C-alpha atoms as a PDB file:
ATOM      1  CA  MET A   1     -25.044  15.453  -7.593  1.00  0.00           C
ATOM      2  CA  HIS A   2     -21.437  16.435  -6.878  1.00  0.00           C
ATOM      3  CA  ILE A   3     -18.967  15.058  -9.410  1.00  0.00           C
ATOM      4  CA  CYS A   4     -15.179  14.819  -9.023  1.00  0.00           C
ATOM      5  CA  VAL A   5     -13.462  14.501 -12.394  1.00  0.00           C
ATOM      6  CA  ASP A   6     -10.233  15.382 -14.147  1.00  0.00           C
ATOM      7  CA  GLN A   7     -10.050  18.531 -16.253  1.00  0.00           C
ATOM      8  CA  LEU A   8     -10.769  16.864 -19.603  1.00  0.00           C
ATOM      9  CA  THR A   9     -13.908  15.149 -18.300  1.00  0.00           C
ATOM     10  CA  ARG A  10     -15.038  18.396 -16.657  1.00  0.00           C
ATOM     11  CA  ASP A  11     -14.744  20.210 -19.988  1.00  0.00           C
ATOM     12  CA  ARG A  12     -16.708  17.448 -21.725  1.00  0.00           C
ATOM     13  CA  PHE A  13     -19.491  17.670 -19.112  1.00  0.00           C
ATOM     14  CA  TYR A  14     -19.673  21.444 -19.474  1.00  0.00           C
ATOM     15  CA  GLY A  15     -19.868  21.068 -23.255  1.00  0.00           C
ATOM     16  CA  ALA A  16     -22.677  18.522 -22.959  1.00  0.00           C
ATOM     17  CA  LYS A  17     -24.580  20.803 -20.575  1.00  0.00           C
ATOM     18  CA  ARG A  18     -24.178  23.764 -22.960  1.00  0.00           C
ATOM     19  CA  LEU A  19     -25.495  21.681 -25.869  1.00  0.00           C
ATOM     20  CA  ARG A  20     -28.545  20.640 -23.849  1.00  0.00           C
ATOM     21  CA  ALA A  21     -29.221  24.052 -22.267  1.00  0.00           C
ATOM     22  CA  ALA A  22     -32.389  24.590 -24.335  1.00  0.00           C
ATOM     23  CA  ALA A  23     -33.924  21.189 -23.472  1.00  0.00           C
ATOM     24  CA  LEU A  24     -37.426  21.119 -21.969  1.00  0.00           C
ATOM     25  CA  SER A  25     -36.926  19.097 -18.771  1.00  0.00           C
ATOM     26  CA  PRO A  26     -34.285  19.442 -16.035  1.00  0.00           C
ATOM     27  CA  SER A  27     -33.060  15.881 -16.606  1.00  0.00           C
ATOM     28  CA  GLU A  28     -32.594  16.561 -20.340  1.00  0.00           C
ATOM     29  CA  ARG A  29     -30.644  19.734 -19.429  1.00  0.00           C
ATOM     30  CA  LEU A  30     -28.454  17.615 -17.118  1.00  0.00           C
ATOM     31  CA  GLU A  31     -29.151  20.018 -14.251  1.00  0.00           C
ATOM     32  CA  ASN A  32     -28.472  17.357 -11.642  1.00  0.00           C
ATOM     33  CA  LEU A  33     -24.837  17.137 -12.790  1.00  0.00           C
ATOM     34  CA  SER A  34     -23.284  19.931 -10.792  1.00  0.00           C
ATOM     35  CA  PRO A  35     -21.151  21.148  -9.153  1.00  0.00           C
ATOM     36  CA  PHE A  36     -18.050  19.864 -10.867  1.00  0.00           C
ATOM     37  CA  THR A  37     -14.838  19.566  -8.898  1.00  0.00           C
ATOM     38  CA  PHE A  38     -11.840  18.821 -11.014  1.00  0.00           C
ATOM     39  CA  GLU A  39      -8.973  16.854  -9.576  1.00  0.00           C
ATOM     40  CA  LEU A  40      -5.438  17.026 -10.813  1.00  0.00           C
ATOM     41  CA  PHE A  41      -5.046  13.248 -11.051  1.00  0.00           C
ATOM     42  CA  ASN A  42      -2.970  13.364 -14.226  1.00  0.00           C
ATOM     43  CA  LEU A  43      -0.625  15.898 -12.618  1.00  0.00           C
ATOM     44  CA  GLN A  44      -0.294  13.683  -9.543  1.00  0.00           C
ATOM     45  CA  MET A  45       0.514  10.701 -11.723  1.00  0.00           C
ATOM     46  CA  THR A  46       3.125  12.657 -13.679  1.00  0.00           C
ATOM     47  CA  ASN A  47       4.749  13.906 -10.462  1.00  0.00           C
ATOM     48  CA  LEU A  48       4.805  10.392  -9.006  1.00  0.00           C
ATOM     49  CA  ALA A  49       6.400   9.071 -12.205  1.00  0.00           C
ATOM     50  CA  ALA A  50       9.057  11.802 -11.994  1.00  0.00           C
ATOM     51  CA  PHE A  51       9.606  10.998  -8.299  1.00  0.00           C
ATOM     52  CA  PHE A  52      10.223   7.334  -9.140  1.00  0.00           C
ATOM     53  CA  ASN A  53      12.339   8.244 -12.165  1.00  0.00           C
ATOM     54  CA  ILE A  54      14.689  10.215  -9.913  1.00  0.00           C
ATOM     55  CA  LEU A  55      14.746   8.056  -6.762  1.00  0.00           C
ATOM     56  CA  TYR A  56      13.982   4.485  -7.833  1.00  0.00           C
ATOM     57  CA  ASN A  57      16.789   2.281  -9.092  1.00  0.00           C
ATOM     58  CA  LYS A  58      15.931  -1.380  -9.583  1.00  0.00           C
ATOM     59  CA  LYS A  59      19.607  -2.360  -9.489  1.00  0.00           C
ATOM     60  CA  SER A  60      20.314  -0.727  -6.122  1.00  0.00           C
ATOM     61  CA  THR A  61      19.571  -2.651  -2.950  1.00  0.00           C
ATOM     62  CA  LYS A  62      21.539  -0.396  -0.639  1.00  0.00           C
ATOM     63  CA  THR A  63      19.835   0.331   2.667  1.00  0.00           C
ATOM     64  CA  PHE A  64      17.244   3.127   2.554  1.00  0.00           C
ATOM     65  CA  THR A  65      16.913   3.188  -1.229  1.00  0.00           C
ATOM     66  CA  MET A  66      13.368   2.938  -2.571  1.00  0.00           C
ATOM     67  CA  HIS A  67      13.992  -0.450  -4.145  1.00  0.00           C
ATOM     68  CA  ALA A  68      15.384  -1.810  -0.868  1.00  0.00           C
ATOM     69  CA  GLN A  69      12.351  -0.470   0.995  1.00  0.00           C
ATOM     70  CA  LYS A  70      10.060  -2.079  -1.595  1.00  0.00           C
ATOM     71  CA  ILE A  71      11.722  -5.436  -0.888  1.00  0.00           C
ATOM     72  CA  ARG A  72      11.743  -4.920   2.897  1.00  0.00           C
ATOM     73  CA  LEU A  73       8.049  -3.963   2.966  1.00  0.00           C
ATOM     74  CA  CYS A  74       7.097  -6.814   0.552  1.00  0.00           C
ATOM     75  CA  ARG A  75       5.484  -4.406  -1.903  1.00  0.00           C
ATOM     76  CA  ASN A  76       5.638  -6.805  -4.843  1.00  0.00           C
ATOM     77  CA  ASP A  77       2.997  -4.886  -6.807  1.00  0.00           C
ATOM     78  CA  VAL A  78       5.240  -1.797  -7.082  1.00  0.00           C
ATOM     79  CA  ASP A  79       6.860  -1.376 -10.480  1.00  0.00           C
ATOM     80  CA  GLY A  80       9.055   1.707 -10.417  1.00  0.00           C
ATOM     81  CA  GLU A  81       9.585   1.588 -14.156  1.00  0.00           C
ATOM     82  CA  ASN A  82       5.861   1.447 -14.974  1.00  0.00           C
ATOM     83  CA  VAL A  83       4.319   3.796 -12.423  1.00  0.00           C
ATOM     84  CA  LYS A  84       1.250   4.738 -14.462  1.00  0.00           C
ATOM     85  CA  ASN A  85      -0.013   1.142 -14.554  1.00  0.00           C
ATOM     86  CA  HIS A  86       0.754   0.582 -10.847  1.00  0.00           C
ATOM     87  CA  TYR A  87      -0.239   4.023  -9.568  1.00  0.00           C
ATOM     88  CA  ASP A  88      -1.873   3.092  -6.247  1.00  0.00           C
ATOM     89  CA  ALA A  89       0.894   0.713  -5.151  1.00  0.00           C
ATOM     90  CA  CYS A  90       3.625   3.176  -6.151  1.00  0.00           C
ATOM     91  CA  LYS A  91       1.833   6.027  -4.389  1.00  0.00           C
ATOM     92  CA  GLU A  92       1.563   4.009  -1.156  1.00  0.00           C
ATOM     93  CA  LEU A  93       5.273   3.175  -1.275  1.00  0.00           C
ATOM     94  CA  ALA A  94       6.223   6.800  -1.958  1.00  0.00           C
ATOM     95  CA  VAL A  95       4.059   8.080   0.913  1.00  0.00           C
ATOM     96  CA  SER A  96       5.479   5.564   3.387  1.00  0.00           C
ATOM     97  CA  TYR A  97       9.033   6.183   2.116  1.00  0.00           C
ATOM     98  CA  VAL A  98       8.793   9.960   2.531  1.00  0.00           C
ATOM     99  CA  GLY A  99       6.884   9.602   5.812  1.00  0.00           C
ATOM    100  CA  ALA A 100       9.650   7.467   7.298  1.00  0.00           C
ATOM    101  CA  PHE A 101      12.218  10.143   6.498  1.00  0.00           C
ATOM    102  CA  VAL A 102       9.996  12.858   7.982  1.00  0.00           C
ATOM    103  CA  VAL A 103       9.668  10.888  11.237  1.00  0.00           C
ATOM    104  CA  GLU A 104      13.422  10.289  11.306  1.00  0.00           C
ATOM    105  CA  ALA A 105      14.110  13.981  10.721  1.00  0.00           C
ATOM    106  CA  ALA A 106      11.672  14.957  13.487  1.00  0.00           C
ATOM    107  CA  CYS A 107      13.335  12.525  15.919  1.00  0.00           C
ATOM    108  CA  HIS A 108      16.726  13.968  15.004  1.00  0.00           C
ATOM    109  CA  HIS A 109      15.447  17.545  15.406  1.00  0.00           C
ATOM    110  CA  PHE A 110      13.968  16.868  18.849  1.00  0.00           C
ATOM    111  CA  GLY A 111      16.972  14.837  19.998  1.00  0.00           C
ATOM    112  CA  VAL A 112      15.230  11.506  20.560  1.00  0.00           C
ATOM    113  CA  SER A 113      16.308   8.106  19.321  1.00  0.00           C
ATOM    114  CA  THR A 114      12.834   6.538  19.021  1.00  0.00           C
ATOM    115  CA  THR A 115       9.275   7.785  18.595  1.00  0.00           C
ATOM    116  CA  GLU A 116       8.446   6.492  22.088  1.00  0.00           C
ATOM    117  CA  GLU A 117      11.162   8.501  23.830  1.00  0.00           C
ATOM    118  CA  VAL A 118      10.253  11.767  25.555  1.00  0.00           C
ATOM    119  CA  PRO A 119      12.551  14.755  24.938  1.00  0.00           C
ATOM    120  CA  ASN A 120      14.379  16.039  28.029  1.00  0.00           C
ATOM    121  CA  TRP A 121      13.565  19.663  27.222  1.00  0.00           C
ATOM    122  CA  LEU A 122       9.801  19.039  27.432  1.00  0.00           C
ATOM    123  CA  PRO A 123       8.469  21.383  30.142  1.00  0.00           C
ATOM    124  CA  GLY A 124       7.437  19.423  33.226  1.00  0.00           C
ATOM    125  CA  HIS A 125       8.293  16.051  31.684  1.00  0.00           C
ATOM    126  CA  THR A 126       9.286  14.636  35.077  1.00  0.00           C
ATOM    127  CA  THR A 127       5.829  15.238  36.583  1.00  0.00           C
ATOM    128  CA  MET A 128       3.737  14.216  33.530  1.00  0.00           C
ATOM    129  CA  THR A 129       1.859  10.950  33.320  1.00  0.00           C
ATOM    130  CA  ASP A 130       2.567   8.624  30.418  1.00  0.00           C
ATOM    131  CA  GLU A 131      -0.743   9.636  28.800  1.00  0.00           C
ATOM    132  CA  GLU A 132       0.160  13.342  28.986  1.00  0.00           C
ATOM    133  CA  LYS A 133       3.547  12.580  27.420  1.00  0.00           C
ATOM    134  CA  LYS A 134       1.877  10.771  24.514  1.00  0.00           C
ATOM    135  CA  ILE A 135      -0.520  13.670  23.988  1.00  0.00           C
ATOM    136  CA  TRP A 136       2.405  16.090  23.965  1.00  0.00           C
END
């Protein structure tokens, strides 16, 4: 059985397996509990909290601030001051917030005003079908 755990739980599982290494049966030795894949969930949560600490200001409703986007997207479950208790909602807002800026930067880089517009420099854009343009 493959198990995904954080580092502390992984260490506890390894310790339990070492303690039971001399057991008689495979189930008593916990042989079915492997491999262990540790995930850096606590690190992700700490980084998200730092991200919100830097960029989220509950008093600011200026356009394109995180708090304004929270209001615009009706993300009422986001609490920028208590990220650890609202991790999933805050993570979704952060991903959509950063993603929007990445799309905007890509549009600016390619010289288009919308995501539906086709750049003029695209080779053969005048002879392409709409489907080929979307694929490009």
